[in-house]
Amino acid sequence: MASTKEYLEFVLEQLSGLDEISHRAMMGEYILYYRGRVFGGIYDDRLLVKPVPVAVKLMPDATMELPYEGAKEMILVDDIDNSEFLRELVEAMYDELPAPKKRK
């Protein structure tokens, strides 16, 4: 099942207090970026984030889920209605996210 544009717009609205949030459509889903670094995505209308140490610490009881078959597990963000928490989570994750690879 592909994610809906409405769900993407809702998540982006929740993150609207952050500068440099962007997204890219990919095979019916959406990859999410903060300042050019991938922090998660929207898969089947679920917000999943990379399991970097700070995200695990901020959501110790969160469920790990597969975004799609064959992928690595990611953290399911249940509390998407809490925009303040979402912004704090993404900002805290930034330093632990890998920098984008340089293109040749």
PDB file of N, CA and C in Angstrom:
ATOM      1  N   MET A   1       0.838  -1.185   0.000  1.00  0.00           N
ATOM      2  CA  MET A   1       0.000   0.000   0.000  1.00  0.00           C
ATOM      3  C   MET A   1       0.878   1.241   0.000  1.00  0.00           C
ATOM      4  N   ALA A   2       0.662   2.135  -0.890  1.00  0.00           N
ATOM      5  CA  ALA A   2       1.432   3.377  -0.966  1.00  0.00           C
ATOM      6  C   ALA A   2       0.916   4.381   0.067  1.00  0.00           C
ATOM      7  N   SER A   3       1.776   5.297   0.431  1.00  0.00           N
ATOM      8  CA  SER A   3       1.397   6.351   1.374  1.00  0.00           C
ATOM      9  C   SER A   3       0.610   7.437   0.649  1.00  0.00           C
ATOM     10  N   THR A   4      -0.255   8.099   1.402  1.00  0.00           N
ATOM     11  CA  THR A   4      -1.073   9.148   0.799  1.00  0.00           C
ATOM     12  C   THR A   4      -0.377  10.505   0.900  1.00  0.00           C
ATOM     13  N   LYS A   5      -0.694  11.350  -0.051  1.00  0.00           N
ATOM     14  CA  LYS A   5      -0.178  12.718  -0.055  1.00  0.00           C
ATOM     15  C   LYS A   5      -0.686  13.472   1.187  1.00  0.00           C
ATOM     16  N   GLU A   6      -1.900  13.157   1.623  1.00  0.00           N
ATOM     17  CA  GLU A   6      -2.470  13.806   2.807  1.00  0.00           C
ATOM     18  C   GLU A   6      -1.664  13.496   4.062  1.00  0.00           C
ATOM     19  N   TYR A   7      -1.227  12.241   4.206  1.00  0.00           N
ATOM     20  CA  TYR A   7      -0.425  11.879   5.375  1.00  0.00           C
ATOM     21  C   TYR A   7       0.924  12.600   5.330  1.00  0.00           C
ATOM     22  N   LEU A   8       1.542  12.641   4.147  1.00  0.00           N
ATOM     23  CA  LEU A   8       2.797  13.385   3.980  1.00  0.00           C
ATOM     24  C   LEU A   8       2.603  14.837   4.394  1.00  0.00           C
ATOM     25  N   GLU A   9       1.564  15.471   3.905  1.00  0.00           N
ATOM     26  CA  GLU A   9       1.307  16.882   4.229  1.00  0.00           C
ATOM     27  C   GLU A   9       1.095  17.078   5.729  1.00  0.00           C
ATOM     28  N   PHE A  10       0.419  16.126   6.384  1.00  0.00           N
ATOM     29  CA  PHE A  10       0.216  16.213   7.830  1.00  0.00           C
ATOM     30  C   PHE A  10       1.554  16.158   8.569  1.00  0.00           C
ATOM     31  N   VAL A  11       2.410  15.205   8.202  1.00  0.00           N
ATOM     32  CA  VAL A  11       3.719  15.073   8.861  1.00  0.00           C
ATOM     33  C   VAL A  11       4.560  16.323   8.610  1.00  0.00           C
ATOM     34  N   LEU A  12       4.555  16.830   7.382  1.00  0.00           N
ATOM     35  CA  LEU A  12       5.321  18.040   7.075  1.00  0.00           C
ATOM     36  C   LEU A  12       4.802  19.236   7.873  1.00  0.00           C
ATOM     37  N   GLU A  13       3.497  19.310   8.062  1.00  0.00           N
ATOM     38  CA  GLU A  13       2.915  20.377   8.876  1.00  0.00           C
ATOM     39  C   GLU A  13       3.379  20.251  10.331  1.00  0.00           C
ATOM     40  N   GLN A  14       3.442  19.033  10.830  1.00  0.00           N
ATOM     41  CA  GLN A  14       3.907  18.803  12.202  1.00  0.00           C
ATOM     42  C   GLN A  14       5.369  19.229  12.368  1.00  0.00           C
ATOM     43  N   LEU A  15       6.145  19.136  11.317  1.00  0.00           N
ATOM     44  CA  LEU A  15       7.570  19.493  11.347  1.00  0.00           C
ATOM     45  C   LEU A  15       7.819  20.913  10.857  1.00  0.00           C
ATOM     46  N   SER A  16       6.768  21.687  10.636  1.00  0.00           N
ATOM     47  CA  SER A  16       6.899  22.990   9.987  1.00  0.00           C
ATOM     48  C   SER A  16       7.744  23.993  10.768  1.00  0.00           C
ATOM     49  N   GLY A  17       7.985  23.777  12.030  1.00  0.00           N
ATOM     50  CA  GLY A  17       8.830  24.682  12.805  1.00  0.00           C
ATOM     51  C   GLY A  17      10.308  24.529  12.504  1.00  0.00           C
ATOM     52  N   LEU A  18      10.671  23.490  11.777  1.00  0.00           N
ATOM     53  CA  LEU A  18      12.077  23.250  11.433  1.00  0.00           C
ATOM     54  C   LEU A  18      12.377  23.781  10.037  1.00  0.00           C
ATOM     55  N   ASP A  19      13.530  24.411   9.904  1.00  0.00           N
ATOM     56  CA  ASP A  19      13.982  24.834   8.583  1.00  0.00           C
ATOM     57  C   ASP A  19      14.630  23.649   7.882  1.00  0.00           C
ATOM     58  N   GLU A  20      14.612  23.675   6.588  1.00  0.00           N
ATOM     59  CA  GLU A  20      15.303  22.705   5.755  1.00  0.00           C
ATOM     60  C   GLU A  20      14.772  21.282   5.853  1.00  0.00           C
ATOM     61  N   ILE A  21      13.465  21.132   6.044  1.00  0.00           N
ATOM     62  CA  ILE A  21      12.839  19.815   5.925  1.00  0.00           C
ATOM     63  C   ILE A  21      12.451  19.651   4.463  1.00  0.00           C
ATOM     64  N   SER A  22      12.814  18.518   3.891  1.00  0.00           N
ATOM     65  CA  SER A  22      12.438  18.252   2.505  1.00  0.00           C
ATOM     66  C   SER A  22      12.061  16.779   2.377  1.00  0.00           C
ATOM     67  N   HIS A  23      11.524  16.439   1.219  1.00  0.00           N
ATOM     68  CA  HIS A  23      11.126  15.053   0.988  1.00  0.00           C
ATOM     69  C   HIS A  23      11.312  14.708  -0.477  1.00  0.00           C
ATOM     70  N   ARG A  24      11.342  13.419  -0.727  1.00  0.00           N
ATOM     71  CA  ARG A  24      11.437  12.920  -2.100  1.00  0.00           C
ATOM     72  C   ARG A  24      10.526  11.705  -2.225  1.00  0.00           C
ATOM     73  N   ALA A  25       9.698  11.703  -3.246  1.00  0.00           N
ATOM     74  CA  ALA A  25       8.837  10.547  -3.509  1.00  0.00           C
ATOM     75  C   ALA A  25       9.692   9.416  -4.055  1.00  0.00           C
ATOM     76  N   MET A  26       9.434   8.214  -3.545  1.00  0.00           N
ATOM     77  CA  MET A  26      10.197   7.057  -3.998  1.00  0.00           C
ATOM     78  C   MET A  26       9.287   5.824  -3.977  1.00  0.00           C
ATOM     79  N   MET A  27       8.873   5.367  -5.141  1.00  0.00           N
ATOM     80  CA  MET A  27       8.062   4.161  -5.301  1.00  0.00           C
ATOM     81  C   MET A  27       6.819   4.164  -4.411  1.00  0.00           C
ATOM     82  N   GLY A  28       6.090   5.261  -4.401  1.00  0.00           N
ATOM     83  CA  GLY A  28       4.853   5.354  -3.654  1.00  0.00           C
ATOM     84  C   GLY A  28       5.015   5.728  -2.193  1.00  0.00           C
ATOM     85  N   GLU A  29       6.249   5.890  -1.761  1.00  0.00           N
ATOM     86  CA  GLU A  29       6.534   6.278  -0.377  1.00  0.00           C
ATOM     87  C   GLU A  29       7.311   7.596  -0.408  1.00  0.00           C
ATOM     88  N   TYR A  30       7.707   8.100   0.770  1.00  0.00           N
ATOM     89  CA  TYR A  30       8.407   9.384   0.833  1.00  0.00           C
ATOM     90  C   TYR A  30       9.614   9.287   1.769  1.00  0.00           C
ATOM     91  N   ILE A  31      10.773   9.695   1.270  1.00  0.00           N
ATOM     92  CA  ILE A  31      11.983   9.785   2.075  1.00  0.00           C
ATOM     93  C   ILE A  31      12.015  11.202   2.648  1.00  0.00           C
ATOM     94  N   LEU A  32      12.331  11.326   3.943  1.00  0.00           N
ATOM     95  CA  LEU A  32      12.348  12.627   4.611  1.00  0.00           C
ATOM     96  C   LEU A  32      13.771  13.042   4.945  1.00  0.00           C
ATOM     97  N   TYR A  33      14.077  14.314   4.723  1.00  0.00           N
ATOM     98  CA  TYR A  33      15.416  14.862   4.939  1.00  0.00           C
ATOM     99  C   TYR A  33      15.351  16.054   5.891  1.00  0.00           C
ATOM    100  N   TYR A  34      16.388  16.186   6.703  1.00  0.00           N
ATOM    101  CA  TYR A  34      16.566  17.382   7.524  1.00  0.00           C
ATOM    102  C   TYR A  34      17.970  17.892   7.247  1.00  0.00           C
ATOM    103  N   ARG A  35      18.045  19.103   6.736  1.00  0.00           N
ATOM    104  CA  ARG A  35      19.317  19.715   6.337  1.00  0.00           C
ATOM    105  C   ARG A  35      20.127  18.795   5.426  1.00  0.00           C
ATOM    106  N   GLY A  36      19.451  18.132   4.515  1.00  0.00           N
ATOM    107  CA  GLY A  36      20.107  17.289   3.525  1.00  0.00           C
ATOM    108  C   GLY A  36      20.420  15.880   3.977  1.00  0.00           C
ATOM    109  N   ARG A  37      20.123  15.537   5.226  1.00  0.00           N
ATOM    110  CA  ARG A  37      20.395  14.189   5.730  1.00  0.00           C
ATOM    111  C   ARG A  37      19.085  13.427   5.902  1.00  0.00           C
ATOM    112  N   VAL A  38      19.095  12.164   5.481  1.00  0.00           N
ATOM    113  CA  VAL A  38      17.908  11.320   5.622  1.00  0.00           C
ATOM    114  C   VAL A  38      17.714  10.983   7.098  1.00  0.00           C
ATOM    115  N   PHE A  39      16.533  11.312   7.629  1.00  0.00           N
ATOM    116  CA  PHE A  39      16.253  10.931   9.013  1.00  0.00           C
ATOM    117  C   PHE A  39      15.156   9.875   9.104  1.00  0.00           C
ATOM    118  N   GLY A  40      14.422   9.673   8.038  1.00  0.00           N
ATOM    119  CA  GLY A  40      13.358   8.671   8.056  1.00  0.00           C
ATOM    120  C   GLY A  40      12.524   8.749   6.805  1.00  0.00           C
ATOM    121  N   GLY A  41      11.300   8.259   6.934  1.00  0.00           N
ATOM    122  CA  GLY A  41      10.423   8.276   5.784  1.00  0.00           C
ATOM    123  C   GLY A  41       9.001   7.926   6.164  1.00  0.00           C
ATOM    124  N   ILE A  42       8.144   8.039   5.187  1.00  0.00           N
ATOM    125  CA  ILE A  42       6.745   7.669   5.351  1.00  0.00           C
ATOM    126  C   ILE A  42       6.524   6.434   4.489  1.00  0.00           C
ATOM    127  N   TYR A  43       6.139   5.359   5.148  1.00  0.00           N
ATOM    128  CA  TYR A  43       5.934   4.068   4.502  1.00  0.00           C
ATOM    129  C   TYR A  43       4.570   3.544   4.924  1.00  0.00           C
ATOM    130  N   ASP A  44       3.697   3.289   3.976  1.00  0.00           N
ATOM    131  CA  ASP A  44       2.338   2.800   4.270  1.00  0.00           C
ATOM    132  C   ASP A  44       1.656   3.680   5.311  1.00  0.00           C
ATOM    133  N   ASP A  45       1.774   4.980   5.147  1.00  0.00           N
ATOM    134  CA  ASP A  45       1.187   5.959   6.072  1.00  0.00           C
ATOM    135  C   ASP A  45       1.645   5.752   7.511  1.00  0.00           C
ATOM    136  N   ARG A  46       2.926   5.414   7.662  1.00  0.00           N
ATOM    137  CA  ARG A  46       3.567   5.319   8.977  1.00  0.00           C
ATOM    138  C   ARG A  46       4.829   6.172   8.923  1.00  0.00           C
ATOM    139  N   LEU A  47       5.084   6.953   9.976  1.00  0.00           N
ATOM    140  CA  LEU A  47       6.331   7.705  10.072  1.00  0.00           C
ATOM    141  C   LEU A  47       7.358   6.816  10.756  1.00  0.00           C
ATOM    142  N   LEU A  48       8.414   6.480  10.027  1.00  0.00           N
ATOM    143  CA  LEU A  48       9.505   5.666  10.554  1.00  0.00           C
ATOM    144  C   LEU A  48      10.778   6.492  10.510  1.00  0.00           C
ATOM    145  N   VAL A  49      11.601   6.387  11.585  1.00  0.00           N
ATOM    146  CA  VAL A  49      12.868   7.108  11.631  1.00  0.00           C
ATOM    147  C   VAL A  49      14.010   6.132  11.834  1.00  0.00           C
ATOM    148  N   LYS A  50      15.206   6.579  11.457  1.00  0.00           N
ATOM    149  CA  LYS A  50      16.393   5.750  11.609  1.00  0.00           C
ATOM    150  C   LYS A  50      16.643   5.483  13.098  1.00  0.00           C
ATOM    151  N   PRO A  51      17.099   4.288  13.433  1.00  0.00           N
ATOM    152  CA  PRO A  51      17.323   3.944  14.843  1.00  0.00           C
ATOM    153  C   PRO A  51      18.682   4.417  15.365  1.00  0.00           C
ATOM    154  N   VAL A  52      18.962   5.697  15.248  1.00  0.00           N
ATOM    155  CA  VAL A  52      20.206   6.242  15.803  1.00  0.00           C
ATOM    156  C   VAL A  52      20.068   6.273  17.328  1.00  0.00           C
ATOM    157  N   PRO A  53      21.183   6.250  18.070  1.00  0.00           N
ATOM    158  CA  PRO A  53      21.114   6.154  19.538  1.00  0.00           C
ATOM    159  C   PRO A  53      20.200   7.169  20.214  1.00  0.00           C
ATOM    160  N   VAL A  54      20.219   8.419  19.790  1.00  0.00           N
ATOM    161  CA  VAL A  54      19.377   9.417  20.453  1.00  0.00           C
ATOM    162  C   VAL A  54      17.894   9.145  20.223  1.00  0.00           C
ATOM    163  N   ALA A  55      17.521   8.643  19.072  1.00  0.00           N
ATOM    164  CA  ALA A  55      16.119   8.314  18.802  1.00  0.00           C
ATOM    165  C   ALA A  55      15.663   7.154  19.682  1.00  0.00           C
ATOM    166  N   VAL A  56      16.539   6.159  19.847  1.00  0.00           N
ATOM    167  CA  VAL A  56      16.227   5.028  20.714  1.00  0.00           C
ATOM    168  C   VAL A  56      16.068   5.513  22.156  1.00  0.00           C
ATOM    169  N   LYS A  57      16.924   6.432  22.568  1.00  0.00           N
ATOM    170  CA  LYS A  57      16.856   6.966  23.929  1.00  0.00           C
ATOM    171  C   LYS A  57      15.569   7.772  24.153  1.00  0.00           C
ATOM    172  N   LEU A  58      15.171   8.569  23.161  1.00  0.00           N
ATOM    173  CA  LEU A  58      13.969   9.395  23.291  1.00  0.00           C
ATOM    174  C   LEU A  58      12.667   8.581  23.195  1.00  0.00           C
ATOM    175  N   MET A  59      12.750   7.417  22.558  1.00  0.00           N
ATOM    176  CA  MET A  59      11.564   6.558  22.408  1.00  0.00           C
ATOM    177  C   MET A  59      11.914   5.122  22.801  1.00  0.00           C
ATOM    178  N   PRO A  60      12.232   4.884  24.084  1.00  0.00           N
ATOM    179  CA  PRO A  60      12.718   3.557  24.505  1.00  0.00           C
ATOM    180  C   PRO A  60      11.706   2.425  24.319  1.00  0.00           C
ATOM    181  N   ASP A  61      10.426   2.738  24.305  1.00  0.00           N
ATOM    182  CA  ASP A  61       9.401   1.701  24.177  1.00  0.00           C
ATOM    183  C   ASP A  61       8.824   1.604  22.773  1.00  0.00           C
ATOM    184  N   ALA A  62       9.420   2.293  21.839  1.00  0.00           N
ATOM    185  CA  ALA A  62       8.892   2.319  20.470  1.00  0.00           C
ATOM    186  C   ALA A  62       9.068   0.965  19.788  1.00  0.00           C
ATOM    187  N   THR A  63       8.186   0.710  18.855  1.00  0.00           N
ATOM    188  CA  THR A  63       8.204  -0.507  18.066  1.00  0.00           C
ATOM    189  C   THR A  63       9.165  -0.354  16.887  1.00  0.00           C
ATOM    190  N   MET A  64       9.901  -1.410  16.596  1.00  0.00           N
ATOM    191  CA  MET A  64      10.745  -1.435  15.405  1.00  0.00           C
ATOM    192  C   MET A  64       9.950  -2.120  14.291  1.00  0.00           C
ATOM    193  N   GLU A  65       9.937  -1.488  13.110  1.00  0.00           N
ATOM    194  CA  GLU A  65       9.186  -2.044  11.990  1.00  0.00           C
ATOM    195  C   GLU A  65       9.995  -1.953  10.704  1.00  0.00           C
ATOM    196  N   LEU A  66       9.648  -2.817   9.768  1.00  0.00           N
ATOM    197  CA  LEU A  66      10.274  -2.785   8.451  1.00  0.00           C
ATOM    198  C   LEU A  66       9.528  -1.797   7.562  1.00  0.00           C
ATOM    199  N   PRO A  67      10.244  -0.881   6.925  1.00  0.00           N
ATOM    200  CA  PRO A  67       9.565   0.033   6.003  1.00  0.00           C
ATOM    201  C   PRO A  67       9.047  -0.705   4.766  1.00  0.00           C
ATOM    202  N   TYR A  68       9.787  -1.715   4.323  1.00  0.00           N
ATOM    203  CA  TYR A  68       9.403  -2.540   3.182  1.00  0.00           C
ATOM    204  C   TYR A  68      10.231  -3.812   3.248  1.00  0.00           C
ATOM    205  N   GLU A  69       9.820  -4.819   2.526  1.00  0.00           N
ATOM    206  CA  GLU A  69      10.488  -6.118   2.527  1.00  0.00           C
ATOM    207  C   GLU A  69      11.961  -5.978   2.138  1.00  0.00           C
ATOM    208  N   GLY A  70      12.838  -6.540   2.952  1.00  0.00           N
ATOM    209  CA  GLY A  70      14.268  -6.529   2.666  1.00  0.00           C
ATOM    210  C   GLY A  70      15.015  -5.334   3.235  1.00  0.00           C
ATOM    211  N   ALA A  71      14.315  -4.406   3.866  1.00  0.00           N
ATOM    212  CA  ALA A  71      14.957  -3.214   4.438  1.00  0.00           C
ATOM    213  C   ALA A  71      15.356  -3.472   5.894  1.00  0.00           C
ATOM    214  N   LYS A  72      16.164  -2.567   6.420  1.00  0.00           N
ATOM    215  CA  LYS A  72      16.521  -2.620   7.839  1.00  0.00           C
ATOM    216  C   LYS A  72      15.375  -2.050   8.659  1.00  0.00           C
ATOM    217  N   GLU A  73      15.250  -2.544   9.892  1.00  0.00           N
ATOM    218  CA  GLU A  73      14.198  -2.049  10.762  1.00  0.00           C
ATOM    219  C   GLU A  73      14.410  -0.580  11.109  1.00  0.00           C
ATOM    220  N   MET A  74      13.292   0.105  11.283  1.00  0.00           N
ATOM    221  CA  MET A  74      13.304   1.509  11.680  1.00  0.00           C
ATOM    222  C   MET A  74      12.344   1.674  12.857  1.00  0.00           C
ATOM    223  N   ILE A  75      12.421   2.822  13.522  1.00  0.00           N
ATOM    224  CA  ILE A  75      11.572   3.089  14.679  1.00  0.00           C
ATOM    225  C   ILE A  75      10.254   3.702  14.217  1.00  0.00           C
ATOM    226  N   LEU A  76       9.148   3.108  14.666  1.00  0.00           N
ATOM    227  CA  LEU A  76       7.831   3.650  14.383  1.00  0.00           C
ATOM    228  C   LEU A  76       7.555   4.796  15.357  1.00  0.00           C
ATOM    229  N   VAL A  77       7.227   5.969  14.817  1.00  0.00           N
ATOM    230  CA  VAL A  77       6.888   7.120  15.647  1.00  0.00           C
ATOM    231  C   VAL A  77       5.374   7.119  15.831  1.00  0.00           C
ATOM    232  N   ASP A  78       4.948   6.790  17.042  1.00  0.00           N
ATOM    233  CA  ASP A  78       3.512   6.722  17.349  1.00  0.00           C
ATOM    234  C   ASP A  78       2.906   8.091  17.608  1.00  0.00           C
ATOM    235  N   ASP A  79       3.652   8.954  18.273  1.00  0.00           N
ATOM    236  CA  ASP A  79       3.111  10.226  18.755  1.00  0.00           C
ATOM    237  C   ASP A  79       3.271  11.332  17.711  1.00  0.00           C
ATOM    238  N   ILE A  80       2.693  11.122  16.527  1.00  0.00           N
ATOM    239  CA  ILE A  80       2.865  12.123  15.467  1.00  0.00           C
ATOM    240  C   ILE A  80       2.007  13.356  15.676  1.00  0.00           C
ATOM    241  N   ASP A  81       1.072  13.300  16.608  1.00  0.00           N
ATOM    242  CA  ASP A  81       0.250  14.478  16.900  1.00  0.00           C
ATOM    243  C   ASP A  81       0.989  15.503  17.749  1.00  0.00           C
ATOM    244  N   ASN A  82       2.096  15.102  18.352  1.00  0.00           N
ATOM    245  CA  ASN A  82       2.887  15.979  19.214  1.00  0.00           C
ATOM    246  C   ASN A  82       3.987  16.643  18.374  1.00  0.00           C
ATOM    247  N   SER A  83       3.656  17.787  17.788  1.00  0.00           N
ATOM    248  CA  SER A  83       4.604  18.443  16.877  1.00  0.00           C
ATOM    249  C   SER A  83       5.866  18.895  17.595  1.00  0.00           C
ATOM    250  N   GLU A  84       5.760  19.317  18.839  1.00  0.00           N
ATOM    251  CA  GLU A  84       6.951  19.742  19.593  1.00  0.00           C
ATOM    252  C   GLU A  84       7.914  18.575  19.768  1.00  0.00           C
ATOM    253  N   PHE A  85       7.401  17.408  20.137  1.00  0.00           N
ATOM    254  CA  PHE A  85       8.247  16.224  20.279  1.00  0.00           C
ATOM    255  C   PHE A  85       8.900  15.857  18.946  1.00  0.00           C
ATOM    256  N   LEU A  86       8.127  15.885  17.860  1.00  0.00           N
ATOM    257  CA  LEU A  86       8.678  15.529  16.546  1.00  0.00           C
ATOM    258  C   LEU A  86       9.830  16.446  16.154  1.00  0.00           C
ATOM    259  N   ARG A  87       9.649  17.738  16.368  1.00  0.00           N
ATOM    260  CA  ARG A  87      10.719  18.688  16.021  1.00  0.00           C
ATOM    261  C   ARG A  87      11.956  18.429  16.886  1.00  0.00           C
ATOM    262  N   GLU A  88      11.763  18.207  18.179  1.00  0.00           N
ATOM    263  CA  GLU A  88      12.899  17.925  19.072  1.00  0.00           C
ATOM    264  C   GLU A  88      13.606  16.633  18.672  1.00  0.00           C
ATOM    265  N   LEU A  89      12.834  15.624  18.308  1.00  0.00           N
ATOM    266  CA  LEU A  89      13.403  14.343  17.885  1.00  0.00           C
ATOM    267  C   LEU A  89      14.290  14.517  16.662  1.00  0.00           C
ATOM    268  N   VAL A  90      13.766  15.169  15.629  1.00  0.00           N
ATOM    269  CA  VAL A  90      14.516  15.331  14.382  1.00  0.00           C
ATOM    270  C   VAL A  90      15.777  16.178  14.614  1.00  0.00           C
ATOM    271  N   GLU A  91      15.654  17.251  15.375  1.00  0.00           N
ATOM    272  CA  GLU A  91      16.827  18.080  15.671  1.00  0.00           C
ATOM    273  C   GLU A  91      17.880  17.288  16.438  1.00  0.00           C
ATOM    274  N   ALA A  92      17.455  16.500  17.430  1.00  0.00           N
ATOM    275  CA  ALA A  92      18.395  15.716  18.226  1.00  0.00           C
ATOM    276  C   ALA A  92      19.095  14.648  17.385  1.00  0.00           C
ATOM    277  N   MET A  93      18.399  14.113  16.387  1.00  0.00           N
ATOM    278  CA  MET A  93      18.968  13.063  15.541  1.00  0.00           C
ATOM    279  C   MET A  93      20.027  13.581  14.582  1.00  0.00           C
ATOM    280  N   TYR A  94      19.979  14.841  14.231  1.00  0.00           N
ATOM    281  CA  TYR A  94      20.796  15.383  13.139  1.00  0.00           C
ATOM    282  C   TYR A  94      22.275  15.017  13.240  1.00  0.00           C
ATOM    283  N   ASP A  95      22.900  15.233  14.397  1.00  0.00           N
ATOM    284  CA  ASP A  95      24.336  14.982  14.527  1.00  0.00           C
ATOM    285  C   ASP A  95      24.699  13.504  14.399  1.00  0.00           C
ATOM    286  N   GLU A  96      23.734  12.619  14.604  1.00  0.00           N
ATOM    287  CA  GLU A  96      24.007  11.183  14.513  1.00  0.00           C
ATOM    288  C   GLU A  96      23.659  10.596  13.154  1.00  0.00           C
ATOM    289  N   LEU A  97      23.122  11.394  12.274  1.00  0.00           N
ATOM    290  CA  LEU A  97      22.770  10.918  10.938  1.00  0.00           C
ATOM    291  C   LEU A  97      23.975  10.990  10.025  1.00  0.00           C
ATOM    292  N   PRO A  98      24.125  10.001   9.144  1.00  0.00           N
ATOM    293  CA  PRO A  98      25.246  10.047   8.204  1.00  0.00           C
ATOM    294  C   PRO A  98      25.096  11.190   7.214  1.00  0.00           C
ATOM    295  N   ALA A  99      26.217  11.815   6.904  1.00  0.00           N
ATOM    296  CA  ALA A  99      26.226  12.890   5.900  1.00  0.00           C
ATOM    297  C   ALA A  99      25.941  12.267   4.532  1.00  0.00           C
ATOM    298  N   PRO A 100      25.322  13.029   3.638  1.00  0.00           N
ATOM    299  CA  PRO A 100      25.053  12.483   2.303  1.00  0.00           C
ATOM    300  C   PRO A 100      26.359  12.141   1.584  1.00  0.00           C
ATOM    301  N   LYS A 101      26.305  11.073   0.802  1.00  0.00           N
ATOM    302  CA  LYS A 101      27.491  10.668   0.043  1.00  0.00           C
ATOM    303  C   LYS A 101      27.716  11.647  -1.103  1.00  0.00           C
ATOM    304  N   LYS A 102      28.972  11.921  -1.357  1.00  0.00           N
ATOM    305  CA  LYS A 102      29.323  12.799  -2.459  1.00  0.00           C
ATOM    306  C   LYS A 102      29.127  12.080  -3.777  1.00  0.00           C
ATOM    307  N   ARG A 103      28.537  12.760  -4.741  1.00  0.00           N
ATOM    308  CA  ARG A 103      28.358  12.182  -6.074  1.00  0.00           C
ATOM    309  C   ARG A 103      29.623  12.369  -6.878  1.00  0.00           C
ATOM    310  N   LYS A 104      29.913  11.388  -7.693  1.00  0.00           N
ATOM    311  CA  LYS A 104      31.131  11.463  -8.522  1.00  0.00           C
ATOM    312  C   LYS A 104      30.872  12.265  -9.773  1.00  0.00           C
TER     313      LYS A 104
END
